[in-house]
Amino acid sequence: MDFEEIAQAERTFCSDFEQSIGEKLLTSDAVFAFQKIIYAYYHEHARRLPWRERNKPYHILVSEIMLQQTQVERVPEKYDEFIKAFPDFQAVAKAPLQEILKVWQGLGYNRRAIALKKSAEIVVTTYNGTLPSHPDVLMTLPGIGRYTASALATFASNQPTVFIETNIRTVFIHFFYQNRSGIKDSEILPLVEQTLDTSHPRTWYYALMDYGAMLKKRYQNPNRKSAHYHRQTPFKGSNRELRGMILRALTRGPGISERELIQTLTMDPKRVKSTLIQLHDEGFIKKSGKRYRIA
């Protein structure tokens, strides 16, 4: 199915099932038609992503943590580097945080690296190195909320959970809410549940995500119609950038003083000082005398 055929199938679907969509209850024919369009695209244009090749729980966990607030295109290279350096839960649990942060550099949101290490430690000590499969248990791990827990259960264990993320949201807004804005996820989730391929949930969600990624390239981002849409703040000059700069400097040696950091980074001393306090309080760094180092 080429892109013109896909576009025609979309138009036909939206025209034929507008009434049932409005009632939030889809017929079996509507579900079949919707799944057929999504799968037709996926079978010909599926993205080749390294964590999809094996579906190992550890690999899925690493990828899901990396994908939080990060565009997919930025993750594969760093994912491969991380898996090579830390091939399993035991390797991450044993590794010093400084070594993990060295490999993590470039992804940003470094607190995710701490959450991943702490989760690996819990998996090793509490679950004998086996990632739990139930979403409620997964949510007890650091840095894992409802979406990530459900995604882990589906992608690692092939469980038919119901969840939503940016690409999935894009698909359902595009098909079912073309003439509305301010759509809440609570309106979309019943449709996600009704259309879920419970026999092949892992493949189905991969297909939905790939279709959503395609839609964002073909159309003005449909997610702008979501009630939850917001623009990400610029990275340049942000607190996130400064945090990354400080951590990057600390990974290069055994320790560095606040004065040396200010001279090295050529940043506002007050911002450097307040950011150091934040990183210390969050457990990223420790202070010995006048020198800071990775915790």
Protein backbone atom coordinates (compact mmCIF):
# COMPACT_ATOMS: atom_id res chain seq x y z
CA MET A 1 0.00 0.00 0.00
CA ASP A 2 1.61 3.30 -1.10
CA PHE A 3 1.01 6.65 0.56
CA GLU A 4 -1.80 7.69 -1.79
CA GLU A 5 -3.60 4.41 -1.12
CA ILE A 6 -3.13 4.95 2.59
CA ALA A 7 -4.53 8.48 2.36
CA GLN A 8 -7.57 7.21 0.45
CA ALA A 9 -8.12 4.45 3.01
CA GLU A 10 -7.98 7.07 5.78
CA ARG A 11 -10.58 9.25 4.04
CA THR A 12 -12.89 6.31 3.47
CA PHE A 13 -12.57 5.17 7.07
CA CYS A 14 -13.28 8.60 8.54
CA SER A 15 -16.27 9.08 6.25
CA ASP A 16 -17.82 5.64 6.83
CA PHE A 17 -17.51 5.51 10.59
CA GLU A 18 -18.02 9.10 11.69
CA GLN A 19 -21.21 8.33 13.59
CA SER A 20 -19.89 5.34 15.48
CA ILE A 21 -16.76 7.30 16.36
CA GLY A 22 -18.85 10.09 17.78
CA GLU A 23 -20.58 7.61 20.05
CA LYS A 24 -17.20 6.28 21.24
CA LEU A 25 -18.31 2.75 20.35
CA LEU A 26 -16.82 1.13 17.26
CA THR A 27 -18.33 -1.76 15.38
CA SER A 28 -16.25 -4.84 14.67
CA ASP A 29 -16.11 -3.75 11.03
CA ALA A 30 -14.73 -0.37 12.05
CA VAL A 31 -12.07 -1.97 14.24
CA PHE A 32 -11.08 -4.33 11.42
CA ALA A 33 -10.86 -1.49 8.89
CA PHE A 34 -8.75 0.61 11.24
CA GLN A 35 -6.36 -2.23 12.04
CA LYS A 36 -6.06 -3.09 8.35
CA ILE A 37 -4.86 0.43 7.49
CA ILE A 38 -2.34 0.54 10.33
CA TYR A 39 -0.94 -2.92 9.63
CA ALA A 40 -0.77 -2.31 5.87
CA TYR A 41 1.56 0.60 6.45
CA TYR A 42 3.59 -1.22 9.11
CA HIS A 43 4.21 -4.33 7.04
CA GLU A 44 5.89 -2.20 4.34
CA HIS A 45 7.41 0.66 6.33
CA ALA A 46 8.20 -0.61 9.84
CA ARG A 47 11.07 1.23 11.49
CA ARG A 48 14.10 -0.93 12.21
CA LEU A 49 15.00 -0.17 15.81
CA PRO A 50 17.60 -2.25 17.67
CA TRP A 51 15.51 -2.89 20.80
CA ARG A 52 12.76 -4.44 18.69
CA GLU A 53 15.02 -7.17 17.34
CA ARG A 54 15.19 -9.30 20.49
CA ASN A 55 12.46 -7.99 22.83
CA LYS A 56 14.59 -8.89 25.85
CA PRO A 57 13.19 -7.29 29.03
CA TYR A 58 16.50 -5.60 29.91
CA HIS A 59 16.86 -4.18 26.40
CA ILE A 60 13.27 -2.95 26.43
CA LEU A 61 13.76 -1.26 29.82
CA VAL A 62 16.89 0.56 28.62
CA SER A 63 15.13 1.72 25.45
CA GLU A 64 11.99 2.91 27.26
CA ILE A 65 14.01 4.91 29.78
CA MET A 66 16.08 6.45 26.97
CA LEU A 67 12.98 7.28 24.94
CA GLN A 68 11.42 9.29 27.75
CA GLN A 69 11.35 12.91 26.51
CA THR A 70 13.80 12.06 23.71
CA GLN A 71 13.15 11.75 19.97
CA VAL A 72 13.49 8.21 18.63
CA GLU A 73 16.09 9.25 16.04
CA ARG A 74 18.54 10.23 18.79
CA VAL A 75 18.34 6.96 20.71
CA PRO A 76 19.61 3.99 18.58
CA GLU A 77 23.29 4.98 18.51
CA LYS A 78 23.39 5.72 22.24
CA TYR A 79 21.34 2.58 22.96
CA ASP A 80 23.85 0.37 21.13
CA GLU A 81 26.73 2.02 22.98
CA PHE A 82 25.01 1.53 26.34
CA ILE A 83 24.12 -2.13 25.74
CA LYS A 84 27.70 -2.83 24.67
CA ALA A 85 29.04 -1.23 27.86
CA PHE A 86 26.38 -2.66 30.18
CA PRO A 87 24.90 -5.84 28.63
CA ASP A 88 22.53 -6.81 31.45
CA PHE A 89 20.94 -5.82 34.75
CA GLN A 90 23.91 -7.05 36.75
CA ALA A 91 26.35 -4.88 34.77
CA VAL A 92 24.32 -1.71 35.37
CA ALA A 93 23.77 -2.53 39.04
CA LYS A 94 27.50 -3.00 39.67
CA ALA A 95 28.79 -0.10 37.57
CA PRO A 96 29.75 3.21 39.25
CA LEU A 97 27.33 6.01 38.41
CA GLN A 98 30.19 8.00 36.91
CA GLU A 99 30.75 5.30 34.29
CA ILE A 100 27.05 5.14 33.47
CA LEU A 101 26.84 8.91 33.05
CA LYS A 102 29.85 8.88 30.72
CA VAL A 103 28.01 6.56 28.34
CA TRP A 104 24.72 8.41 28.87
CA GLN A 105 26.18 11.77 27.79
CA GLY A 106 24.33 13.24 24.83
CA LEU A 107 20.86 12.02 25.80
CA GLY A 108 20.15 14.66 28.44
CA TYR A 109 17.75 14.33 31.39
CA ASN A 110 20.52 12.58 33.31
CA ARG A 111 18.24 11.72 36.24
CA ARG A 112 16.99 8.91 33.98
CA ALA A 113 20.44 7.29 34.26
CA ILE A 114 20.17 7.27 38.05
CA ALA A 115 16.66 5.80 37.83
CA LEU A 116 17.91 3.09 35.46
CA LYS A 117 20.78 2.16 37.78
CA LYS A 118 18.51 2.06 40.85
CA SER A 119 15.95 -0.04 38.96
CA ALA A 120 18.67 -2.48 37.91
CA GLU A 121 19.81 -2.78 41.52
CA ILE A 122 16.27 -3.57 42.64
CA VAL A 123 15.74 -6.10 39.84
CA VAL A 124 18.97 -7.88 40.80
CA THR A 125 18.48 -7.87 44.58
CA THR A 126 14.70 -8.25 44.82
CA TYR A 127 13.68 -10.10 41.65
CA ASN A 128 16.74 -12.28 41.06
CA GLY A 129 17.67 -10.46 37.87
CA THR A 130 14.26 -10.88 36.21
CA LEU A 131 12.22 -7.80 35.31
CA PRO A 132 8.68 -8.02 36.78
CA SER A 133 5.94 -8.29 34.20
CA HIS A 134 2.93 -6.74 35.98
CA PRO A 135 2.48 -2.98 35.42
CA ASP A 136 1.60 -2.31 39.07
CA VAL A 137 4.88 -3.88 40.19
CA LEU A 138 6.86 -2.14 37.48
CA MET A 139 5.52 1.20 38.68
CA THR A 140 7.32 0.70 42.00
CA LEU A 141 10.67 0.95 40.19
CA PRO A 142 12.37 4.40 40.06
CA GLY A 143 11.49 6.57 37.08
CA ILE A 144 8.69 4.32 35.84
CA GLY A 145 5.19 5.76 35.61
CA ARG A 146 1.94 4.31 34.28
CA TYR A 147 2.83 4.66 30.59
CA THR A 148 6.32 3.17 30.89
CA ALA A 149 5.07 0.32 33.08
CA SER A 150 2.35 -0.56 30.56
CA ALA A 151 4.75 -0.27 27.62
CA LEU A 152 7.26 -2.54 29.38
CA ALA A 153 4.56 -5.14 30.06
CA THR A 154 3.55 -5.11 26.40
CA PHE A 155 6.93 -4.90 24.68
CA ALA A 156 8.83 -7.17 27.09
CA SER A 157 6.07 -9.69 27.90
CA ASN A 158 3.58 -9.18 25.02
CA GLN A 159 0.74 -8.34 27.42
CA PRO A 160 -2.33 -6.52 26.01
CA THR A 161 -2.15 -3.41 28.19
CA VAL A 162 -3.83 -0.11 27.29
CA PHE A 163 -1.62 2.99 27.12
CA ILE A 164 -0.99 6.12 25.12
CA GLU A 165 2.06 8.13 24.09
CA THR A 166 2.72 10.89 21.58
CA ASN A 167 2.65 8.82 18.37
CA ILE A 168 -0.33 6.76 19.48
CA ARG A 169 -2.15 9.96 20.39
CA THR A 170 -1.33 11.34 16.94
CA VAL A 171 -2.94 8.36 15.19
CA PHE A 172 -6.20 8.52 17.11
CA ILE A 173 -6.55 12.28 16.80
CA HIS A 174 -5.89 12.01 13.06
CA PHE A 175 -8.49 9.31 12.48
CA PHE A 176 -11.15 10.12 15.05
CA TYR A 177 -10.94 13.82 15.93
CA GLN A 178 -10.10 15.65 12.71
CA ASN A 179 -12.65 18.40 13.36
CA ARG A 180 -11.95 18.99 17.06
CA SER A 181 -9.29 20.41 19.32
CA GLY A 182 -8.62 20.19 23.05
CA ILE A 183 -8.97 16.41 22.99
CA LYS A 184 -8.15 14.74 26.29
CA ASP A 185 -6.36 11.43 26.63
CA SER A 186 -9.33 10.20 28.65
CA GLU A 187 -11.38 10.46 25.43
CA ILE A 188 -8.79 8.59 23.39
CA LEU A 189 -8.06 5.70 25.77
CA PRO A 190 -11.46 3.95 25.24
CA LEU A 191 -10.71 3.89 21.50
CA VAL A 192 -7.22 2.53 22.15
CA GLU A 193 -8.79 -0.26 24.18
CA GLN A 194 -11.48 -1.05 21.58
CA THR A 195 -9.02 -1.26 18.70
CA LEU A 196 -6.27 -3.16 20.55
CA ASP A 197 -5.11 -6.34 18.80
CA THR A 198 -5.08 -8.47 21.94
CA SER A 199 -3.56 -11.43 20.06
CA HIS A 200 -0.51 -9.45 18.97
CA PRO A 201 -0.27 -6.41 21.28
CA ARG A 202 3.48 -5.88 20.89
CA THR A 203 3.30 -5.77 17.10
CA TRP A 204 0.14 -3.67 17.17
CA TYR A 205 1.64 -0.95 19.32
CA TYR A 206 4.81 -0.90 17.23
CA ALA A 207 2.57 -0.45 14.18
CA LEU A 208 0.60 2.37 15.81
CA MET A 209 3.78 4.18 16.83
CA ASP A 210 5.29 3.91 13.37
CA TYR A 211 2.08 5.17 11.77
CA GLY A 212 2.03 8.13 14.18
CA ALA A 213 5.66 8.96 13.35
CA MET A 214 4.73 8.94 9.66
CA LEU A 215 1.73 11.22 10.23
CA LYS A 216 3.89 13.82 11.96
CA LYS A 217 6.01 14.04 8.83
CA ARG A 218 3.05 14.17 6.42
CA TYR A 219 0.85 16.65 8.26
CA GLN A 220 1.13 19.56 10.64
CA ASN A 221 1.52 17.80 13.98
CA PRO A 222 -1.98 16.46 14.87
CA ASN A 223 -0.90 16.44 18.53
CA ARG A 224 -1.47 20.18 18.58
CA LYS A 225 -5.17 19.36 18.90
CA SER A 226 -4.50 17.54 22.16
CA ALA A 227 -5.44 19.18 25.45
CA HIS A 228 -2.07 17.95 26.74
CA TYR A 229 0.07 19.48 23.99
CA HIS A 230 2.85 21.86 24.96
CA ARG A 231 6.02 23.04 23.27
CA GLN A 232 9.29 21.93 24.76
CA THR A 233 11.32 24.79 26.14
CA PRO A 234 14.54 25.63 24.21
CA PHE A 235 17.59 23.65 25.35
CA LYS A 236 20.19 26.33 24.66
CA GLY A 237 20.80 28.36 27.79
CA SER A 238 18.40 26.26 29.84
CA ASN A 239 18.94 24.72 33.25
CA ARG A 240 19.01 21.34 31.53
CA GLU A 241 21.99 22.44 29.45
CA LEU A 242 23.87 23.72 32.52
CA ARG A 243 23.19 20.50 34.45
CA GLY A 244 24.58 18.48 31.57
CA MET A 245 27.66 20.69 31.31
CA ILE A 246 28.40 20.27 35.02
CA LEU A 247 27.96 16.50 34.99
CA ARG A 248 30.08 16.21 31.86
CA ALA A 249 32.88 18.14 33.57
CA LEU A 250 32.66 15.95 36.66
CA THR A 251 32.88 12.70 34.69
CA ARG A 252 36.29 13.74 33.35
CA GLY A 253 38.12 13.54 36.66
CA PRO A 254 38.03 12.67 40.35
CA GLY A 255 36.64 16.03 41.42
CA ILE A 256 36.40 19.73 40.72
CA SER A 257 35.70 22.80 42.85
CA GLU A 258 32.86 25.26 42.39
CA ARG A 259 35.37 27.97 41.44
CA GLU A 260 36.99 25.75 38.83
CA LEU A 261 33.58 24.89 37.38
CA ILE A 262 32.65 28.56 37.07
CA GLN A 263 35.94 29.30 35.31
CA THR A 264 35.62 26.27 33.02
CA LEU A 265 31.98 26.80 32.05
CA THR A 266 32.07 30.61 31.93
CA MET A 267 28.53 30.70 33.29
CA ASP A 268 26.77 32.92 35.81
CA PRO A 269 28.27 31.95 39.20
CA LYS A 270 24.86 32.13 40.92
CA ARG A 271 23.36 29.70 38.40
CA VAL A 272 26.29 27.30 38.74
CA LYS A 273 26.01 27.36 42.53
CA SER A 274 22.24 26.79 42.58
CA THR A 275 22.55 23.98 40.01
CA LEU A 276 25.26 22.30 42.08
CA ILE A 277 22.91 22.38 45.07
CA GLN A 278 20.12 20.81 42.96
CA LEU A 279 22.38 18.05 41.66
CA HIS A 280 23.64 17.36 45.18
CA ASP A 281 20.12 17.20 46.64
CA GLU A 282 19.01 14.86 43.85
CA GLY A 283 21.88 12.45 44.51
CA PHE A 284 23.86 13.05 41.33
CA ILE A 285 26.94 14.49 43.02
CA LYS A 286 28.73 14.55 46.38
CA LYS A 287 30.92 17.19 48.00
CA SER A 288 34.19 16.42 49.76
CA GLY A 289 35.72 19.55 51.21
CA LYS A 290 35.54 22.10 48.41
CA ARG A 291 35.44 19.59 45.57
CA TYR A 292 32.47 17.98 43.88
CA ARG A 293 32.39 14.54 42.28
CA ILE A 294 29.84 12.13 40.82
CA ALA A 295 28.00 10.33 43.62
